Amino acid sequence: VQDLGLKDKVIFRGFVESRNVLPQWDILAVPSVDGEGSSATIKEGMLVGLPVVTSDLPSNLEILHPNESGLSFYNRDHQGLAKCLEELLLDSDLAWKLIKGGQERVQSFTVRAMGQAYKDIYAHLLGK
């Protein structure tokens, strides 16, 4: 940050509760380059009403449906990331569409929804 002359524009705060900062943002970018589990960050962004942009890792795309609940770009494609961010900044209708889609999509990951999915699997396995 210092080498790029951004010292006055970037703050490293350490651990901060996401619920205290996410509502202040305009867009959530999750440019993960390596595999991770089911990203709580993506779900939290959707829940608080942020348009989400993420790399196309399979684990990210299990949560985010491109062009429905967020935007995605090819992993490690910084120009693709920049294009997605620019689209959202310039097209408020798209941003609102993705916010609505994200808030609907995140309902699939509530404790209640996940519990019901497990019940359905067990019922299926038991032939009920």
C-alpha atoms as a PDB file:
ATOM      1  CA  VAL A   1       0.000   0.000   0.000  1.00  0.00           C
ATOM      2  CA  GLN A   2       2.806   2.375   0.897  1.00  0.00           C
ATOM      3  CA  ASP A   3       4.752   1.534  -2.287  1.00  0.00           C
ATOM      4  CA  LEU A   4       1.671   2.355  -4.365  1.00  0.00           C
ATOM      5  CA  GLY A   5       1.121   5.674  -2.610  1.00  0.00           C
ATOM      6  CA  LEU A   6      -2.184   4.568  -1.106  1.00  0.00           C
ATOM      7  CA  LYS A   7      -1.262   4.950   2.560  1.00  0.00           C
ATOM      8  CA  ASP A   8      -3.868   7.703   3.067  1.00  0.00           C
ATOM      9  CA  LYS A   9      -6.598   5.707   1.283  1.00  0.00           C
ATOM     10  CA  VAL A  10      -6.286   2.212   2.798  1.00  0.00           C
ATOM     11  CA  ILE A  11      -6.750   1.237   6.409  1.00  0.00           C
ATOM     12  CA  PHE A  12      -5.938  -2.203   7.799  1.00  0.00           C
ATOM     13  CA  ARG A  13      -8.286  -2.542  10.762  1.00  0.00           C
ATOM     14  CA  GLY A  14      -7.692  -6.159  11.698  1.00  0.00           C
ATOM     15  CA  PHE A  15     -10.718  -8.165  12.845  1.00  0.00           C
ATOM     16  CA  VAL A  16     -14.007  -6.283  12.586  1.00  0.00           C
ATOM     17  CA  GLU A  17     -17.495  -7.785  12.808  1.00  0.00           C
ATOM     18  CA  SER A  18     -18.887  -7.910   9.263  1.00  0.00           C
ATOM     19  CA  ARG A  19     -22.307  -6.713  10.411  1.00  0.00           C
ATOM     20  CA  ASN A  20     -20.640  -3.461  11.488  1.00  0.00           C
ATOM     21  CA  VAL A  21     -19.022  -2.699   8.133  1.00  0.00           C
ATOM     22  CA  LEU A  22     -20.851  -4.434   5.276  1.00  0.00           C
ATOM     23  CA  PRO A  23     -23.923  -2.155   5.387  1.00  0.00           C
ATOM     24  CA  GLN A  24     -21.613   0.819   4.709  1.00  0.00           C
ATOM     25  CA  TRP A  25     -20.327  -0.613   1.415  1.00  0.00           C
ATOM     26  CA  ASP A  26     -21.694  -0.284  -2.121  1.00  0.00           C
ATOM     27  CA  ILE A  27     -20.346  -3.544  -3.605  1.00  0.00           C
ATOM     28  CA  LEU A  28     -18.788  -6.694  -2.181  1.00  0.00           C
ATOM     29  CA  ALA A  29     -15.932  -8.139  -4.262  1.00  0.00           C
ATOM     30  CA  VAL A  30     -14.713 -11.635  -3.358  1.00  0.00           C
ATOM     31  CA  PRO A  31     -11.802 -12.298  -5.737  1.00  0.00           C
ATOM     32  CA  SER A  32     -10.693 -15.569  -4.101  1.00  0.00           C
ATOM     33  CA  VAL A  33      -8.107 -17.426  -6.188  1.00  0.00           C
ATOM     34  CA  ASP A  34      -7.950 -20.712  -4.277  1.00  0.00           C
ATOM     35  CA  GLY A  35     -10.676 -23.109  -3.248  1.00  0.00           C
ATOM     36  CA  GLU A  36     -12.529 -22.516  -0.061  1.00  0.00           C
ATOM     37  CA  GLY A  37     -15.649 -23.909   1.497  1.00  0.00           C
ATOM     38  CA  SER A  38     -19.036 -22.300   1.383  1.00  0.00           C
ATOM     39  CA  SER A  39     -18.176 -18.616   1.684  1.00  0.00           C
ATOM     40  CA  ALA A  40     -19.892 -16.945   4.606  1.00  0.00           C
ATOM     41  CA  THR A  41     -18.663 -13.632   3.207  1.00  0.00           C
ATOM     42  CA  ILE A  42     -20.708 -14.007   0.025  1.00  0.00           C
ATOM     43  CA  LYS A  43     -23.798 -14.980   2.007  1.00  0.00           C
ATOM     44  CA  GLU A  44     -23.351 -12.084   4.445  1.00  0.00           C
ATOM     45  CA  GLY A  45     -23.019  -9.633   1.558  1.00  0.00           C
ATOM     46  CA  MET A  46     -26.198 -10.919  -0.050  1.00  0.00           C
ATOM     47  CA  LEU A  47     -28.033 -10.824   3.261  1.00  0.00           C
ATOM     48  CA  VAL A  48     -27.254  -7.150   3.921  1.00  0.00           C
ATOM     49  CA  GLY A  49     -28.201  -6.163   0.351  1.00  0.00           C
ATOM     50  CA  LEU A  50     -24.918  -5.754  -1.470  1.00  0.00           C
ATOM     51  CA  PRO A  51     -24.383  -6.649  -5.100  1.00  0.00           C
ATOM     52  CA  VAL A  52     -21.697  -9.345  -5.027  1.00  0.00           C
ATOM     53  CA  VAL A  53     -18.858  -9.942  -7.484  1.00  0.00           C
ATOM     54  CA  THR A  54     -16.828 -13.121  -7.148  1.00  0.00           C
ATOM     55  CA  SER A  55     -14.314 -15.275  -8.938  1.00  0.00           C
ATOM     56  CA  ASP A  56     -15.708 -18.358 -10.641  1.00  0.00           C
ATOM     57  CA  LEU A  57     -14.403 -20.890  -8.136  1.00  0.00           C
ATOM     58  CA  PRO A  58     -16.854 -23.813  -7.934  1.00  0.00           C
ATOM     59  CA  SER A  59     -17.472 -23.157  -4.236  1.00  0.00           C
ATOM     60  CA  ASN A  60     -18.407 -19.529  -4.995  1.00  0.00           C
ATOM     61  CA  LEU A  61     -20.716 -20.526  -7.838  1.00  0.00           C
ATOM     62  CA  GLU A  62     -22.544 -22.977  -5.566  1.00  0.00           C
ATOM     63  CA  ILE A  63     -23.780 -19.856  -3.775  1.00  0.00           C
ATOM     64  CA  LEU A  64     -23.854 -17.138  -6.404  1.00  0.00           C
ATOM     65  CA  HIS A  65     -25.704 -17.688  -9.663  1.00  0.00           C
ATOM     66  CA  PRO A  66     -24.052 -15.410 -12.249  1.00  0.00           C
ATOM     67  CA  ASN A  67     -26.256 -12.627 -13.578  1.00  0.00           C
ATOM     68  CA  GLU A  68     -29.045 -13.630 -11.179  1.00  0.00           C
ATOM     69  CA  SER A  69     -27.658 -13.139  -7.673  1.00  0.00           C
ATOM     70  CA  GLY A  70     -24.325 -11.522  -8.481  1.00  0.00           C
ATOM     71  CA  LEU A  71     -21.597 -11.274 -11.080  1.00  0.00           C
ATOM     72  CA  SER A  72     -18.625 -13.558 -11.599  1.00  0.00           C
ATOM     73  CA  PHE A  73     -15.382 -13.395 -13.510  1.00  0.00           C
ATOM     74  CA  TYR A  74     -12.748 -15.950 -14.467  1.00  0.00           C
ATOM     75  CA  ASN A  75     -10.429 -16.761 -11.607  1.00  0.00           C
ATOM     76  CA  ARG A  76      -7.298 -14.569 -11.578  1.00  0.00           C
ATOM     77  CA  ASP A  77      -8.719 -12.320 -14.329  1.00  0.00           C
ATOM     78  CA  HIS A  78      -8.209  -8.849 -12.871  1.00  0.00           C
ATOM     79  CA  GLN A  79      -9.633  -7.211 -15.995  1.00  0.00           C
ATOM     80  CA  GLY A  80     -12.770  -9.326 -15.638  1.00  0.00           C
ATOM     81  CA  LEU A  81     -13.079  -8.222 -12.016  1.00  0.00           C
ATOM     82  CA  ALA A  82     -12.666  -4.575 -13.033  1.00  0.00           C
ATOM     83  CA  LYS A  83     -15.316  -4.987 -15.760  1.00  0.00           C
ATOM     84  CA  CYS A  84     -17.829  -6.445 -13.281  1.00  0.00           C
ATOM     85  CA  LEU A  85     -17.200  -3.618 -10.804  1.00  0.00           C
ATOM     86  CA  GLU A  86     -17.556  -1.024 -13.562  1.00  0.00           C
ATOM     87  CA  GLU A  87     -20.847  -2.583 -14.728  1.00  0.00           C
ATOM     88  CA  LEU A  88     -22.284  -2.338 -11.233  1.00  0.00           C
ATOM     89  CA  LEU A  89     -21.105   1.227 -10.734  1.00  0.00           C
ATOM     90  CA  LEU A  90     -22.611   2.353 -14.038  1.00  0.00           C
ATOM     91  CA  ASP A  91     -25.838   0.321 -14.092  1.00  0.00           C
ATOM     92  CA  SER A  92     -27.975   0.813 -10.980  1.00  0.00           C
ATOM     93  CA  ASP A  93     -30.781  -1.319 -12.459  1.00  0.00           C
ATOM     94  CA  LEU A  94     -28.390  -4.259 -12.739  1.00  0.00           C
ATOM     95  CA  ALA A  95     -27.148  -3.666  -9.191  1.00  0.00           C
ATOM     96  CA  TRP A  96     -30.716  -3.671  -7.816  1.00  0.00           C
ATOM     97  CA  LYS A  97     -31.597  -6.810  -9.800  1.00  0.00           C
ATOM     98  CA  LEU A  98     -28.576  -8.619  -8.342  1.00  0.00           C
ATOM     99  CA  ILE A  99     -29.303  -7.363  -4.819  1.00  0.00           C
ATOM    100  CA  LYS A 100     -32.847  -8.744  -5.042  1.00  0.00           C
ATOM    101  CA  GLY A 101     -31.587 -12.011  -6.534  1.00  0.00           C
ATOM    102  CA  GLY A 102     -28.915 -12.293  -3.863  1.00  0.00           C
ATOM    103  CA  GLN A 103     -31.375 -11.743  -1.041  1.00  0.00           C
ATOM    104  CA  GLU A 104     -33.614 -14.456  -2.493  1.00  0.00           C
ATOM    105  CA  ARG A 105     -30.697 -16.829  -3.078  1.00  0.00           C
ATOM    106  CA  VAL A 106     -29.279 -16.491   0.436  1.00  0.00           C
ATOM    107  CA  GLN A 107     -32.559 -17.836   1.849  1.00  0.00           C
ATOM    108  CA  SER A 108     -31.408 -21.269   0.627  1.00  0.00           C
ATOM    109  CA  PHE A 109     -28.634 -21.149   3.214  1.00  0.00           C
ATOM    110  CA  THR A 110     -30.576 -20.352   6.366  1.00  0.00           C
ATOM    111  CA  VAL A 111     -30.485 -22.804   9.256  1.00  0.00           C
ATOM    112  CA  ARG A 112     -34.133 -23.647   8.585  1.00  0.00           C
ATOM    113  CA  ALA A 113     -33.552 -24.286   4.855  1.00  0.00           C
ATOM    114  CA  MET A 114     -30.485 -26.412   5.484  1.00  0.00           C
ATOM    115  CA  GLY A 115     -32.288 -28.392   8.200  1.00  0.00           C
ATOM    116  CA  GLN A 116     -35.161 -29.076   5.822  1.00  0.00           C
ATOM    117  CA  ALA A 117     -32.717 -30.215   3.131  1.00  0.00           C
ATOM    118  CA  TYR A 118     -31.219 -32.746   5.558  1.00  0.00           C
ATOM    119  CA  LYS A 119     -34.683 -33.976   6.537  1.00  0.00           C
ATOM    120  CA  ASP A 120     -35.551 -34.401   2.854  1.00  0.00           C
ATOM    121  CA  ILE A 121     -32.366 -36.400   2.207  1.00  0.00           C
ATOM    122  CA  TYR A 122     -33.015 -38.702   5.149  1.00  0.00           C
ATOM    123  CA  ALA A 123     -36.645 -39.170   4.118  1.00  0.00           C
ATOM    124  CA  HIS A 124     -35.492 -40.063   0.605  1.00  0.00           C
ATOM    125  CA  LEU A 125     -32.915 -42.537   1.898  1.00  0.00           C
ATOM    126  CA  LEU A 126     -35.564 -44.149   4.098  1.00  0.00           C
ATOM    127  CA  GLY A 127     -37.943 -44.399   1.140  1.00  0.00           C
ATOM    128  CA  LYS A 128     -40.511 -42.002   2.566  1.00  0.00           C
END
